């Protein structure tokens, strides 16, 4: 049996092009795409998923592996994976933004820790929200849902020289508004409760001017913020479930967007 060069290129393309999309997704999504996960582990994970998925995708485009069209396909697959991962990043970032809003209100904005996801310093409350969401993400098999979605994405948007439509990129840009809206909804109960606390201290300062509000009100405000955080933390789960479902539906709309 003779094996030609075109056959070898076809066999490589059947795995290489899907690997570009899957690898780009694992590079951009939270937790797996963080600096704390070594690159070798991410590559092995992407290769493992590709080996399982590639035989189920059917025939790839009849394009030579080293041609210009092949490089266009590679770029399109990388963009698709990175764009899908970016949308998932917005899901996790809304909890960080919401935590920063609460922290600035109760005086804990100056207290920050290093976020291993971004390599930046974020408020402690944001870290509490982020760690809680990370645990819920794995508990509810969110990682398996993302792997299932990237596999289904090949049905909605097969491997070709044409990728996501321009309307899809515009939808992703406008999706940032969705992140800030849900961040405000996350922080609204705590911010409202702390606002009432600050107003009460303002009334106290008017009734008793000799009372040093800075020395009394500031620590009390921080204690009230911790209590409010403890009370409102259980509401994180239903908000995450709703936003995760909305994210998956939005990703599906992006793949189906018409140019």
Foldseek 3Di string as FASTA:
>chain_A
DDDDPLNVQQVCCLQPLLLLLLLLLLCQAFPSNFPVHDPVVSSVVSSVLSVVQSVVLDGDDSDGCPDPFNVLLSVQSNVLSNLLRVLNVLLLVLLQLLQCVLCVLLVQQVAWDQDRRVRHTGTPSSVVLNVVLVVVCVVVPVVVVVSVLSSCLCVLANRGSDHFDPVLVVLSVVCNVVSNVLSCVLNVVSNVVLVVLVVVLVVVCVVPVVDDCVVPVNVVSNVSSVVSCVVSVVVSVVSSVVSSVVSSVSSVCRSNDDD
